[in-house]
Amino acid sequence: MKRIINVVEDEKDLNFLVKGYLEKEGYIVNSYLTFDEAYAHIGDEVDLWILDIMLDDKSGFDLIEEIKSKNQDKPVIFMSARDKEFDRIIGLEKGSDDYITKPFSPKEMVLRVNNIIKRVYKEDAEVIVDGYKIDENKRTVYLNDEFIDLTTKEFDLLMLFVKNRGTAFLREQILEKVWDDNYYGSDRVVDDTMRRLRKKLPNINIQTIYGFGYRLS
């Protein structure tokens, strides 16, 4: 099940940057630039809010009070350019789950979001796919109690298909999602990694779509 995240940040470029990274991680993301835009969606089905503290004539502190009045247990992350202990304390007092100071790495934001989602919703990280027992949190793969050693990229590639079973991916899409935007090199690395993955997991049903890419059926 895809989790829904609302991002409230009045700096448009940063808002869309965070949105883009979270969407690459598989989340459904709604972005709002003002307090009023976000307030109109307080009652929506949302799994996590990410709030800027400074929002036009109001603040993220005002918004978290409205969110918590609807659902006290709804997780919230604050982000702010103000690295002040006072702000952090207020955020915690109002029920925030985390506080991240700008500028920050979008990847750090994604890691914090993943950790909160896993903790709050206690998602089962272990799945069975084509007979393989895969644990995302422990990053382990077993077949009949036999451990199968995968490299970091082999495991990341496997999880991309496990989380998106039935979805066909272009090689360029796989490169972007597994190797990220900073990778410079040939997309042949996708085929090479896939070949190694299939050799280690011969029962995995990742199909080649000729002229397109790959899909886990």
N, C-alpha and C. Protein backbone atom coordinates (compact mmCIF):
# COMPACT_ATOMS: atom_id res chain seq x y z
N MET A 1 0.84 -1.19 0.00
CA MET A 1 0.00 0.00 0.00
C MET A 1 0.88 1.25 0.00
N LYS A 2 0.59 2.16 -0.92
CA LYS A 2 1.37 3.38 -1.00
C LYS A 2 0.91 4.37 0.06
N ARG A 3 1.87 4.92 0.80
CA ARG A 3 1.57 5.90 1.84
C ARG A 3 1.45 7.30 1.25
N ILE A 4 0.60 8.12 1.87
CA ILE A 4 0.34 9.47 1.39
C ILE A 4 1.02 10.49 2.29
N ILE A 5 1.76 11.41 1.70
CA ILE A 5 2.48 12.44 2.46
C ILE A 5 2.07 13.82 1.95
N ASN A 6 1.79 14.72 2.88
CA ASN A 6 1.52 16.12 2.53
C ASN A 6 2.73 16.97 2.90
N VAL A 7 3.25 17.70 1.93
CA VAL A 7 4.39 18.59 2.14
C VAL A 7 3.89 20.02 2.11
N VAL A 8 4.18 20.79 3.18
CA VAL A 8 3.76 22.19 3.26
C VAL A 8 5.01 23.05 3.40
N GLU A 9 5.37 23.72 2.31
CA GLU A 9 6.60 24.52 2.26
C GLU A 9 6.39 25.66 1.27
N ASP A 10 6.62 26.92 1.73
CA ASP A 10 6.33 28.06 0.86
C ASP A 10 7.45 28.37 -0.14
N GLU A 11 8.60 27.73 0.03
CA GLU A 11 9.67 27.88 -0.96
C GLU A 11 9.43 26.85 -2.07
N LYS A 12 8.97 27.32 -3.21
CA LYS A 12 8.47 26.44 -4.26
C LYS A 12 9.50 25.41 -4.71
N ASP A 13 10.73 25.83 -4.96
CA ASP A 13 11.75 24.91 -5.45
C ASP A 13 12.03 23.79 -4.45
N LEU A 14 12.15 24.15 -3.18
CA LEU A 14 12.39 23.14 -2.15
C LEU A 14 11.19 22.21 -2.01
N ASN A 15 9.99 22.77 -2.08
CA ASN A 15 8.77 21.97 -2.00
C ASN A 15 8.78 20.89 -3.07
N PHE A 16 9.04 21.29 -4.30
CA PHE A 16 9.00 20.34 -5.41
C PHE A 16 10.18 19.37 -5.37
N LEU A 17 11.31 19.82 -4.82
CA LEU A 17 12.47 18.92 -4.67
C LEU A 17 12.14 17.79 -3.70
N VAL A 18 11.59 18.13 -2.54
CA VAL A 18 11.20 17.12 -1.55
C VAL A 18 10.13 16.20 -2.13
N LYS A 19 9.15 16.79 -2.80
CA LYS A 19 8.09 16.01 -3.43
C LYS A 19 8.67 14.99 -4.41
N GLY A 20 9.61 15.44 -5.25
CA GLY A 20 10.19 14.57 -6.25
C GLY A 20 10.93 13.39 -5.65
N TYR A 21 11.73 13.66 -4.62
CA TYR A 21 12.50 12.58 -3.99
C TYR A 21 11.57 11.57 -3.29
N LEU A 22 10.52 12.05 -2.65
CA LEU A 22 9.59 11.15 -1.98
C LEU A 22 8.80 10.32 -2.98
N GLU A 23 8.46 10.91 -4.12
CA GLU A 23 7.74 10.16 -5.15
C GLU A 23 8.63 9.07 -5.74
N LYS A 24 9.91 9.36 -5.90
CA LYS A 24 10.84 8.34 -6.37
C LYS A 24 10.91 7.16 -5.40
N GLU A 25 10.67 7.46 -4.12
CA GLU A 25 10.70 6.41 -3.10
C GLU A 25 9.41 5.60 -3.09
N GLY A 26 8.41 6.05 -3.87
CA GLY A 26 7.18 5.29 -3.97
C GLY A 26 6.00 5.87 -3.20
N TYR A 27 6.17 7.07 -2.60
CA TYR A 27 5.08 7.70 -1.86
C TYR A 27 4.18 8.50 -2.80
N ILE A 28 2.93 8.66 -2.40
CA ILE A 28 2.02 9.61 -3.05
C ILE A 28 2.17 10.93 -2.30
N VAL A 29 2.52 12.00 -3.01
CA VAL A 29 2.85 13.27 -2.34
C VAL A 29 1.96 14.40 -2.84
N ASN A 30 1.34 15.10 -1.88
CA ASN A 30 0.61 16.33 -2.18
C ASN A 30 1.43 17.50 -1.66
N SER A 31 1.61 18.53 -2.47
CA SER A 31 2.41 19.67 -2.02
C SER A 31 1.56 20.93 -1.94
N TYR A 32 1.77 21.70 -0.86
CA TYR A 32 1.04 22.95 -0.63
C TYR A 32 2.04 24.04 -0.29
N LEU A 33 1.74 25.26 -0.77
CA LEU A 33 2.66 26.38 -0.60
C LEU A 33 2.26 27.34 0.51
N THR A 34 1.01 27.26 0.95
CA THR A 34 0.53 28.18 1.98
C THR A 34 -0.23 27.44 3.08
N PHE A 35 -0.38 28.15 4.20
CA PHE A 35 -1.15 27.61 5.31
C PHE A 35 -2.58 27.30 4.87
N ASP A 36 -3.19 28.24 4.17
CA ASP A 36 -4.60 28.06 3.78
C ASP A 36 -4.79 26.88 2.84
N GLU A 37 -3.86 26.68 1.89
CA GLU A 37 -3.95 25.54 1.00
C GLU A 37 -3.91 24.23 1.79
N ALA A 38 -2.99 24.16 2.73
CA ALA A 38 -2.84 22.95 3.54
C ALA A 38 -4.04 22.75 4.47
N TYR A 39 -4.50 23.84 5.06
CA TYR A 39 -5.61 23.75 6.01
C TYR A 39 -6.87 23.18 5.34
N ALA A 40 -7.06 23.46 4.07
CA ALA A 40 -8.23 22.95 3.34
C ALA A 40 -8.21 21.42 3.22
N HIS A 41 -7.04 20.81 3.52
CA HIS A 41 -6.91 19.35 3.37
C HIS A 41 -6.64 18.66 4.70
N ILE A 42 -6.91 19.35 5.79
CA ILE A 42 -6.68 18.78 7.12
C ILE A 42 -7.42 17.46 7.31
N GLY A 43 -8.63 17.37 6.77
CA GLY A 43 -9.44 16.17 6.97
C GLY A 43 -9.19 15.06 5.98
N ASP A 44 -8.24 15.25 5.05
CA ASP A 44 -7.96 14.23 4.05
C ASP A 44 -7.25 13.02 4.67
N GLU A 45 -7.29 11.92 3.94
CA GLU A 45 -6.57 10.72 4.37
C GLU A 45 -5.08 10.90 4.08
N VAL A 46 -4.30 11.08 5.12
CA VAL A 46 -2.87 11.36 4.98
C VAL A 46 -2.11 10.53 6.01
N ASP A 47 -0.93 10.02 5.63
CA ASP A 47 -0.14 9.20 6.55
C ASP A 47 0.95 9.98 7.27
N LEU A 48 1.41 11.09 6.67
CA LEU A 48 2.47 11.88 7.28
C LEU A 48 2.42 13.30 6.73
N TRP A 49 2.65 14.29 7.62
CA TRP A 49 2.76 15.69 7.21
C TRP A 49 4.21 16.14 7.39
N ILE A 50 4.73 16.92 6.41
CA ILE A 50 6.02 17.58 6.53
C ILE A 50 5.75 19.08 6.46
N LEU A 51 6.08 19.80 7.54
CA LEU A 51 5.68 21.20 7.66
C LEU A 51 6.87 22.14 7.79
N ASP A 52 6.85 23.21 7.00
CA ASP A 52 7.76 24.32 7.25
C ASP A 52 7.20 25.11 8.44
N ILE A 53 8.07 25.68 9.25
CA ILE A 53 7.59 26.45 10.40
C ILE A 53 7.01 27.79 9.95
N MET A 54 7.72 28.49 9.07
CA MET A 54 7.27 29.81 8.65
C MET A 54 6.37 29.70 7.42
N LEU A 55 5.10 30.04 7.58
CA LEU A 55 4.12 29.94 6.49
C LEU A 55 3.31 31.24 6.42
N ASP A 56 3.58 32.07 5.44
CA ASP A 56 2.93 33.36 5.24
C ASP A 56 2.65 34.05 6.58
N ASP A 57 1.42 34.35 6.89
CA ASP A 57 1.14 35.08 8.13
C ASP A 57 0.88 34.16 9.31
N LYS A 58 0.99 32.83 9.07
CA LYS A 58 0.83 31.87 10.17
C LYS A 58 2.06 30.98 10.22
N SER A 59 1.95 29.86 10.92
CA SER A 59 3.13 29.01 11.07
C SER A 59 2.75 27.53 11.06
N GLY A 60 3.80 26.72 10.91
CA GLY A 60 3.61 25.28 11.00
C GLY A 60 3.14 24.86 12.37
N PHE A 61 3.47 25.67 13.39
CA PHE A 61 3.00 25.36 14.74
C PHE A 61 1.47 25.47 14.81
N ASP A 62 0.91 26.46 14.11
CA ASP A 62 -0.55 26.58 14.06
C ASP A 62 -1.15 25.39 13.32
N LEU A 63 -0.48 24.97 12.26
CA LEU A 63 -1.01 23.89 11.44
C LEU A 63 -0.97 22.56 12.17
N ILE A 64 0.10 22.30 12.93
CA ILE A 64 0.19 21.02 13.63
C ILE A 64 -0.92 20.90 14.68
N GLU A 65 -1.31 22.04 15.27
CA GLU A 65 -2.40 22.00 16.24
C GLU A 65 -3.70 21.55 15.58
N GLU A 66 -3.93 22.03 14.35
CA GLU A 66 -5.13 21.63 13.62
C GLU A 66 -5.07 20.15 13.23
N ILE A 67 -3.88 19.71 12.80
CA ILE A 67 -3.70 18.30 12.42
C ILE A 67 -3.93 17.39 13.61
N LYS A 68 -3.32 17.73 14.74
CA LYS A 68 -3.44 16.89 15.93
C LYS A 68 -4.84 16.91 16.52
N SER A 69 -5.59 18.00 16.27
CA SER A 69 -6.97 18.05 16.77
C SER A 69 -7.85 17.03 16.04
N LYS A 70 -7.46 16.70 14.80
CA LYS A 70 -8.19 15.70 14.03
C LYS A 70 -7.71 14.28 14.35
N ASN A 71 -6.40 14.14 14.52
CA ASN A 71 -5.83 12.83 14.81
C ASN A 71 -4.54 13.02 15.60
N GLN A 72 -4.59 12.75 16.89
CA GLN A 72 -3.48 13.00 17.78
C GLN A 72 -2.23 12.19 17.40
N ASP A 73 -2.44 11.03 16.77
CA ASP A 73 -1.32 10.14 16.48
C ASP A 73 -0.72 10.35 15.09
N LYS A 74 -1.22 11.32 14.34
CA LYS A 74 -0.72 11.54 12.98
C LYS A 74 0.72 12.06 13.04
N PRO A 75 1.68 11.38 12.38
CA PRO A 75 3.08 11.82 12.45
C PRO A 75 3.33 13.10 11.66
N VAL A 76 4.23 13.94 12.21
CA VAL A 76 4.56 15.24 11.62
C VAL A 76 6.06 15.45 11.71
N ILE A 77 6.65 15.93 10.61
CA ILE A 77 8.05 16.36 10.60
C ILE A 77 8.09 17.87 10.35
N PHE A 78 8.85 18.59 11.16
CA PHE A 78 9.07 20.01 10.92
C PHE A 78 10.38 20.19 10.16
N MET A 79 10.39 21.17 9.24
CA MET A 79 11.65 21.59 8.61
C MET A 79 11.71 23.11 8.70
N SER A 80 12.92 23.61 8.99
CA SER A 80 13.04 25.04 9.20
C SER A 80 14.47 25.50 8.97
N ALA A 81 14.61 26.75 8.54
CA ALA A 81 15.94 27.36 8.39
C ALA A 81 16.45 27.83 9.75
N ARG A 82 15.58 27.81 10.75
CA ARG A 82 15.95 28.30 12.08
C ARG A 82 16.39 27.11 12.93
N ASP A 83 17.69 27.02 13.18
CA ASP A 83 18.23 25.93 13.99
C ASP A 83 18.28 26.38 15.45
N LYS A 84 17.11 26.53 16.04
CA LYS A 84 17.03 27.02 17.40
C LYS A 84 16.43 25.96 18.31
N GLU A 85 17.05 25.80 19.47
CA GLU A 85 16.56 24.80 20.43
C GLU A 85 15.12 25.12 20.84
N PHE A 86 14.79 26.42 20.93
CA PHE A 86 13.44 26.83 21.31
C PHE A 86 12.40 26.28 20.33
N ASP A 87 12.70 26.37 19.02
CA ASP A 87 11.77 25.85 18.01
C ASP A 87 11.62 24.34 18.12
N ARG A 88 12.73 23.67 18.33
CA ARG A 88 12.69 22.21 18.46
C ARG A 88 11.82 21.79 19.65
N ILE A 89 11.99 22.50 20.76
CA ILE A 89 11.23 22.18 21.97
C ILE A 89 9.74 22.41 21.73
N ILE A 90 9.39 23.53 21.10
CA ILE A 90 7.98 23.80 20.80
C ILE A 90 7.41 22.72 19.88
N GLY A 91 8.21 22.35 18.87
CA GLY A 91 7.76 21.31 17.96
C GLY A 91 7.48 20.01 18.67
N LEU A 92 8.37 19.61 19.57
CA LEU A 92 8.17 18.37 20.34
C LEU A 92 6.96 18.49 21.26
N GLU A 93 6.81 19.65 21.89
CA GLU A 93 5.67 19.85 22.79
C GLU A 93 4.34 19.75 22.05
N LYS A 94 4.35 20.16 20.78
CA LYS A 94 3.12 20.14 20.00
C LYS A 94 2.90 18.79 19.30
N GLY A 95 3.86 17.87 19.50
CA GLY A 95 3.64 16.51 19.02
C GLY A 95 4.36 16.12 17.76
N SER A 96 5.40 16.89 17.35
CA SER A 96 6.13 16.52 16.14
C SER A 96 6.98 15.28 16.40
N ASP A 97 7.25 14.55 15.32
CA ASP A 97 8.06 13.32 15.42
C ASP A 97 9.52 13.56 15.06
N ASP A 98 9.80 14.65 14.35
CA ASP A 98 11.18 14.93 13.95
C ASP A 98 11.28 16.41 13.56
N TYR A 99 12.52 16.90 13.49
CA TYR A 99 12.80 18.30 13.15
C TYR A 99 14.08 18.30 12.33
N ILE A 100 14.03 18.82 11.11
CA ILE A 100 15.20 18.84 10.26
C ILE A 100 15.50 20.28 9.85
N THR A 101 16.77 20.66 9.92
CA THR A 101 17.18 22.03 9.68
C THR A 101 17.64 22.22 8.23
N LYS A 102 17.15 23.28 7.61
CA LYS A 102 17.60 23.64 6.26
C LYS A 102 18.97 24.33 6.34
N PRO A 103 19.81 24.14 5.33
CA PRO A 103 19.63 23.24 4.18
C PRO A 103 19.88 21.80 4.61
N PHE A 104 19.21 20.87 3.97
CA PHE A 104 19.39 19.46 4.30
C PHE A 104 19.47 18.65 3.02
N SER A 105 19.99 17.46 3.15
CA SER A 105 20.06 16.55 2.01
C SER A 105 18.68 15.92 1.81
N PRO A 106 18.13 15.96 0.59
CA PRO A 106 16.84 15.31 0.34
C PRO A 106 16.87 13.83 0.70
N LYS A 107 18.03 13.20 0.51
CA LYS A 107 18.13 11.77 0.86
C LYS A 107 17.99 11.57 2.36
N GLU A 108 18.52 12.53 3.14
CA GLU A 108 18.35 12.45 4.59
C GLU A 108 16.87 12.57 4.95
N MET A 109 16.17 13.48 4.28
CA MET A 109 14.74 13.61 4.51
C MET A 109 14.01 12.31 4.22
N VAL A 110 14.36 11.67 3.10
CA VAL A 110 13.72 10.40 2.72
C VAL A 110 13.97 9.33 3.78
N LEU A 111 15.20 9.25 4.29
CA LEU A 111 15.52 8.26 5.32
C LEU A 111 14.71 8.50 6.59
N ARG A 112 14.59 9.77 6.98
CA ARG A 112 13.81 10.09 8.17
C ARG A 112 12.34 9.74 7.97
N VAL A 113 11.82 10.04 6.79
CA VAL A 113 10.43 9.70 6.48
C VAL A 113 10.23 8.19 6.55
N ASN A 114 11.12 7.44 5.90
CA ASN A 114 11.01 5.98 5.91
C ASN A 114 11.00 5.43 7.33
N ASN A 115 11.89 5.96 8.17
CA ASN A 115 11.98 5.46 9.55
C ASN A 115 10.70 5.74 10.34
N ILE A 116 10.14 6.93 10.15
CA ILE A 116 8.91 7.26 10.87
C ILE A 116 7.74 6.43 10.39
N ILE A 117 7.63 6.26 9.07
CA ILE A 117 6.54 5.45 8.52
C ILE A 117 6.62 4.02 9.05
N LYS A 118 7.82 3.45 9.06
CA LYS A 118 7.98 2.08 9.55
C LYS A 118 7.65 1.97 11.03
N ARG A 119 8.07 2.99 11.80
CA ARG A 119 7.82 2.94 13.24
C ARG A 119 6.35 3.14 13.57
N VAL A 120 5.72 4.13 12.95
CA VAL A 120 4.34 4.46 13.29
C VAL A 120 3.37 3.41 12.80
N TYR A 121 3.58 2.93 11.58
CA TYR A 121 2.61 2.00 10.99
C TYR A 121 3.03 0.55 11.10
N LYS A 122 4.23 0.34 11.69
CA LYS A 122 4.71 -1.02 11.98
C LYS A 122 4.49 -1.96 10.80
N GLU A 123 4.95 -1.51 9.63
CA GLU A 123 4.80 -2.32 8.44
C GLU A 123 5.67 -3.57 8.53
N ASP A 124 5.13 -4.67 8.05
CA ASP A 124 5.88 -5.92 8.01
C ASP A 124 6.90 -5.83 6.89
N ALA A 125 8.18 -5.83 7.26
CA ALA A 125 9.23 -5.66 6.26
C ALA A 125 9.57 -6.96 5.56
N GLU A 126 9.01 -8.08 6.03
CA GLU A 126 9.35 -9.38 5.46
C GLU A 126 8.27 -9.84 4.49
N VAL A 127 8.69 -10.20 3.29
CA VAL A 127 7.76 -10.69 2.27
C VAL A 127 8.33 -11.96 1.64
N ILE A 128 7.44 -12.74 1.04
CA ILE A 128 7.85 -13.93 0.30
C ILE A 128 7.58 -13.68 -1.17
N VAL A 129 8.60 -13.78 -1.99
CA VAL A 129 8.47 -13.55 -3.43
C VAL A 129 9.12 -14.71 -4.16
N ASP A 130 8.32 -15.46 -4.92
CA ASP A 130 8.82 -16.61 -5.70
C ASP A 130 9.63 -17.57 -4.85
N GLY A 131 9.20 -17.74 -3.59
CA GLY A 131 9.87 -18.66 -2.68
C GLY A 131 10.98 -18.06 -1.86
N TYR A 132 11.39 -16.84 -2.17
CA TYR A 132 12.46 -16.17 -1.43
C TYR A 132 11.89 -15.33 -0.29
N LYS A 133 12.46 -15.47 0.90
CA LYS A 133 12.05 -14.67 2.06
C LYS A 133 12.94 -13.43 2.10
N ILE A 134 12.31 -12.27 1.88
CA ILE A 134 13.05 -11.01 1.75
C ILE A 134 12.66 -10.08 2.89
N ASP A 135 13.65 -9.61 3.64
CA ASP A 135 13.42 -8.68 4.74
C ASP A 135 14.08 -7.35 4.39
N GLU A 136 13.25 -6.33 4.12
CA GLU A 136 13.79 -5.05 3.70
C GLU A 136 14.59 -4.36 4.81
N ASN A 137 14.11 -4.44 6.05
CA ASN A 137 14.80 -3.77 7.15
C ASN A 137 16.18 -4.38 7.40
N LYS A 138 16.24 -5.70 7.40
CA LYS A 138 17.52 -6.39 7.64
C LYS A 138 18.34 -6.52 6.36
N ARG A 139 17.69 -6.25 5.21
CA ARG A 139 18.33 -6.37 3.90
C ARG A 139 18.91 -7.77 3.71
N THR A 140 18.06 -8.76 3.96
CA THR A 140 18.47 -10.15 3.82
C THR A 140 17.52 -10.89 2.88
N VAL A 141 18.07 -11.94 2.25
CA VAL A 141 17.28 -12.81 1.39
C VAL A 141 17.62 -14.26 1.75
N TYR A 142 16.58 -15.07 1.94
CA TYR A 142 16.77 -16.48 2.27
C TYR A 142 15.93 -17.34 1.33
N LEU A 143 16.44 -18.52 1.02
CA LEU A 143 15.67 -19.54 0.32
C LEU A 143 15.84 -20.84 1.10
N ASN A 144 14.72 -21.31 1.68
CA ASN A 144 14.77 -22.54 2.49
C ASN A 144 15.83 -22.45 3.58
N ASP A 145 15.84 -21.31 4.29
CA ASP A 145 16.77 -21.05 5.39
C ASP A 145 18.22 -20.89 4.96
N GLU A 146 18.47 -20.84 3.67
CA GLU A 146 19.83 -20.60 3.18
C GLU A 146 19.98 -19.12 2.81
N PHE A 147 20.95 -18.46 3.42
CA PHE A 147 21.18 -17.04 3.18
C PHE A 147 21.79 -16.83 1.80
N ILE A 148 21.27 -15.84 1.08
CA ILE A 148 21.79 -15.49 -0.24
C ILE A 148 22.39 -14.09 -0.15
N ASP A 149 23.67 -14.00 -0.41
CA ASP A 149 24.40 -12.74 -0.25
C ASP A 149 24.25 -11.87 -1.50
N LEU A 150 23.63 -10.69 -1.33
CA LEU A 150 23.47 -9.74 -2.43
C LEU A 150 24.27 -8.48 -2.15
N THR A 151 24.77 -7.86 -3.20
CA THR A 151 25.42 -6.56 -3.05
C THR A 151 24.35 -5.50 -2.78
N THR A 152 24.78 -4.30 -2.41
CA THR A 152 23.84 -3.21 -2.13
C THR A 152 22.94 -2.94 -3.33
N LYS A 153 23.52 -2.80 -4.51
CA LYS A 153 22.72 -2.49 -5.70
C LYS A 153 21.86 -3.65 -6.13
N GLU A 154 22.32 -4.87 -5.95
CA GLU A 154 21.49 -6.04 -6.28
C GLU A 154 20.25 -6.06 -5.40
N PHE A 155 20.42 -5.76 -4.11
CA PHE A 155 19.28 -5.76 -3.20
C PHE A 155 18.35 -4.59 -3.52
N ASP A 156 18.91 -3.41 -3.80
CA ASP A 156 18.08 -2.26 -4.15
C ASP A 156 17.28 -2.53 -5.42
N LEU A 157 17.91 -3.17 -6.39
CA LEU A 157 17.23 -3.51 -7.64
C LEU A 157 16.10 -4.50 -7.37
N LEU A 158 16.37 -5.50 -6.54
CA LEU A 158 15.34 -6.46 -6.18
C LEU A 158 14.16 -5.78 -5.52
N MET A 159 14.42 -4.86 -4.56
CA MET A 159 13.34 -4.20 -3.83
C MET A 159 12.51 -3.29 -4.74
N LEU A 160 13.14 -2.71 -5.76
CA LEU A 160 12.38 -1.89 -6.70
C LEU A 160 11.28 -2.71 -7.34
N PHE A 161 11.59 -3.93 -7.74
CA PHE A 161 10.59 -4.78 -8.39
C PHE A 161 9.61 -5.38 -7.38
N VAL A 162 10.10 -5.72 -6.20
CA VAL A 162 9.21 -6.28 -5.17
C VAL A 162 8.14 -5.27 -4.77
N LYS A 163 8.53 -4.00 -4.63
CA LYS A 163 7.59 -2.96 -4.23
C LYS A 163 6.66 -2.54 -5.36
N ASN A 164 7.04 -2.87 -6.58
CA ASN A 164 6.25 -2.44 -7.74
C ASN A 164 5.95 -3.63 -8.65
N ARG A 165 5.52 -4.71 -8.03
CA ARG A 165 5.27 -5.93 -8.80
C ARG A 165 4.22 -5.68 -9.88
N GLY A 166 4.52 -6.14 -11.09
CA GLY A 166 3.62 -5.95 -12.21
C GLY A 166 3.89 -4.70 -13.02
N THR A 167 4.75 -3.81 -12.49
CA THR A 167 5.08 -2.57 -13.20
C THR A 167 6.30 -2.78 -14.09
N ALA A 168 6.21 -2.36 -15.34
CA ALA A 168 7.34 -2.46 -16.26
C ALA A 168 8.18 -1.19 -16.17
N PHE A 169 9.49 -1.37 -16.05
CA PHE A 169 10.41 -0.24 -15.93
C PHE A 169 11.37 -0.20 -17.11
N LEU A 170 11.53 0.99 -17.68
CA LEU A 170 12.59 1.21 -18.65
C LEU A 170 13.95 1.14 -17.94
N ARG A 171 14.98 0.80 -18.68
CA ARG A 171 16.33 0.79 -18.09
C ARG A 171 16.68 2.16 -17.52
N GLU A 172 16.29 3.21 -18.22
CA GLU A 172 16.59 4.57 -17.75
C GLU A 172 15.88 4.85 -16.42
N GLN A 173 14.67 4.34 -16.26
CA GLN A 173 13.94 4.53 -15.01
C GLN A 173 14.61 3.77 -13.87
N ILE A 174 15.05 2.55 -14.16
CA ILE A 174 15.74 1.74 -13.15
C ILE A 174 17.03 2.43 -12.73
N LEU A 175 17.76 2.95 -13.70
CA LEU A 175 19.01 3.65 -13.41
C LEU A 175 18.77 4.83 -12.49
N GLU A 176 17.72 5.58 -12.76
CA GLU A 176 17.39 6.76 -11.96
C GLU A 176 16.96 6.39 -10.54
N LYS A 177 16.16 5.31 -10.41
CA LYS A 177 15.62 4.95 -9.10
C LYS A 177 16.61 4.21 -8.22
N VAL A 178 17.48 3.40 -8.83
CA VAL A 178 18.42 2.58 -8.05
C VAL A 178 19.78 3.23 -7.92
N TRP A 179 20.25 3.88 -8.99
CA TRP A 179 21.57 4.50 -8.97
C TRP A 179 21.50 6.01 -8.74
N ASP A 180 20.33 6.59 -8.78
CA ASP A 180 19.99 8.00 -8.55
C ASP A 180 20.58 8.93 -9.61
N ASP A 181 20.27 10.21 -9.48
CA ASP A 181 20.59 11.19 -10.52
C ASP A 181 22.09 11.48 -10.63
N ASN A 182 22.86 11.09 -9.63
CA ASN A 182 24.28 11.42 -9.64
C ASN A 182 25.14 10.39 -10.36
N TYR A 183 24.52 9.33 -10.86
CA TYR A 183 25.29 8.29 -11.55
C TYR A 183 25.65 8.72 -12.96
N TYR A 184 26.90 8.55 -13.32
CA TYR A 184 27.35 8.85 -14.67
C TYR A 184 27.94 7.57 -15.25
N GLY A 185 27.34 7.07 -16.30
CA GLY A 185 27.82 5.84 -16.91
C GLY A 185 26.75 5.23 -17.80
N SER A 186 27.05 4.09 -18.34
CA SER A 186 26.15 3.43 -19.27
C SER A 186 25.01 2.74 -18.53
N ASP A 187 23.84 2.66 -19.21
CA ASP A 187 22.72 1.93 -18.61
C ASP A 187 22.95 0.42 -18.70
N ARG A 188 24.09 0.00 -19.28
CA ARG A 188 24.43 -1.42 -19.28
C ARG A 188 24.64 -1.94 -17.86
N VAL A 189 24.91 -1.04 -16.92
CA VAL A 189 25.07 -1.47 -15.53
C VAL A 189 23.78 -2.12 -15.02
N VAL A 190 22.62 -1.69 -15.56
CA VAL A 190 21.35 -2.30 -15.17
C VAL A 190 21.31 -3.76 -15.61
N ASP A 191 21.67 -4.02 -16.87
CA ASP A 191 21.66 -5.39 -17.39
C ASP A 191 22.67 -6.26 -16.66
N ASP A 192 23.85 -5.70 -16.37
CA ASP A 192 24.88 -6.47 -15.67
C ASP A 192 24.42 -6.85 -14.27
N THR A 193 23.83 -5.88 -13.57
CA THR A 193 23.34 -6.16 -12.21
C THR A 193 22.18 -7.14 -12.24
N MET A 194 21.29 -7.00 -13.23
CA MET A 194 20.18 -7.92 -13.37
C MET A 194 20.68 -9.34 -13.64
N ARG A 195 21.70 -9.48 -14.45
CA ARG A 195 22.26 -10.79 -14.75
C ARG A 195 22.80 -11.46 -13.48
N ARG A 196 23.49 -10.68 -12.66
CA ARG A 196 24.01 -11.24 -11.40
C ARG A 196 22.87 -11.61 -10.45
N LEU A 197 21.85 -10.74 -10.40
CA LEU A 197 20.71 -10.99 -9.52
C LEU A 197 20.00 -12.29 -9.92
N ARG A 198 19.77 -12.46 -11.20
CA ARG A 198 19.10 -13.68 -11.68
C ARG A 198 19.94 -14.93 -11.40
N LYS A 199 21.26 -14.79 -11.49
CA LYS A 199 22.14 -15.94 -11.22
C LYS A 199 22.04 -16.35 -9.75
N LYS A 200 21.95 -15.35 -8.86
CA LYS A 200 21.86 -15.65 -7.44
C LYS A 200 20.45 -16.08 -7.04
N LEU A 201 19.43 -15.55 -7.76
CA LEU A 201 18.03 -15.87 -7.45
C LEU A 201 17.37 -16.46 -8.71
N PRO A 202 17.72 -17.68 -9.08
CA PRO A 202 17.23 -18.24 -10.35
C PRO A 202 15.72 -18.41 -10.41
N ASN A 203 15.05 -18.44 -9.27
CA ASN A 203 13.59 -18.64 -9.28
C ASN A 203 12.81 -17.33 -9.39
N ILE A 204 13.52 -16.19 -9.31
CA ILE A 204 12.82 -14.91 -9.34
C ILE A 204 12.26 -14.66 -10.74
N ASN A 205 11.00 -14.24 -10.79
CA ASN A 205 10.31 -14.13 -12.08
C ASN A 205 10.35 -12.70 -12.61
N ILE A 206 11.57 -12.16 -12.76
CA ILE A 206 11.73 -10.84 -13.38
C ILE A 206 11.91 -11.07 -14.88
N GLN A 207 10.97 -10.60 -15.65
CA GLN A 207 10.96 -10.85 -17.08
C GLN A 207 11.61 -9.70 -17.85
N THR A 208 12.29 -10.06 -18.94
CA THR A 208 12.82 -9.06 -19.85
C THR A 208 11.73 -8.68 -20.85
N ILE A 209 11.48 -7.39 -20.98
CA ILE A 209 10.56 -6.89 -22.01
C ILE A 209 11.44 -6.32 -23.11
N TYR A 210 11.61 -7.07 -24.16
CA TYR A 210 12.57 -6.71 -25.19
C TYR A 210 12.25 -5.35 -25.82
N GLY A 211 13.28 -4.53 -25.93
CA GLY A 211 13.11 -3.20 -26.47
C GLY A 211 12.57 -2.21 -25.46
N PHE A 212 12.35 -2.67 -24.21
CA PHE A 212 11.79 -1.77 -23.19
C PHE A 212 12.59 -1.85 -21.89
N GLY A 213 12.47 -2.96 -21.16
CA GLY A 213 13.13 -3.07 -19.87
C GLY A 213 12.79 -4.36 -19.15
N TYR A 214 12.33 -4.23 -17.89
CA TYR A 214 12.09 -5.40 -17.07
C TYR A 214 10.80 -5.24 -16.25
N ARG A 215 10.25 -6.41 -15.82
CA ARG A 215 9.04 -6.41 -14.99
C ARG A 215 9.04 -7.67 -14.13
N LEU A 216 8.68 -7.52 -12.86
CA LEU A 216 8.48 -8.68 -11.98
C LEU A 216 7.03 -9.10 -12.09
N SER A 217 6.80 -10.32 -12.59
CA SER A 217 5.42 -10.80 -12.79
C SER A 217 4.96 -11.63 -11.60
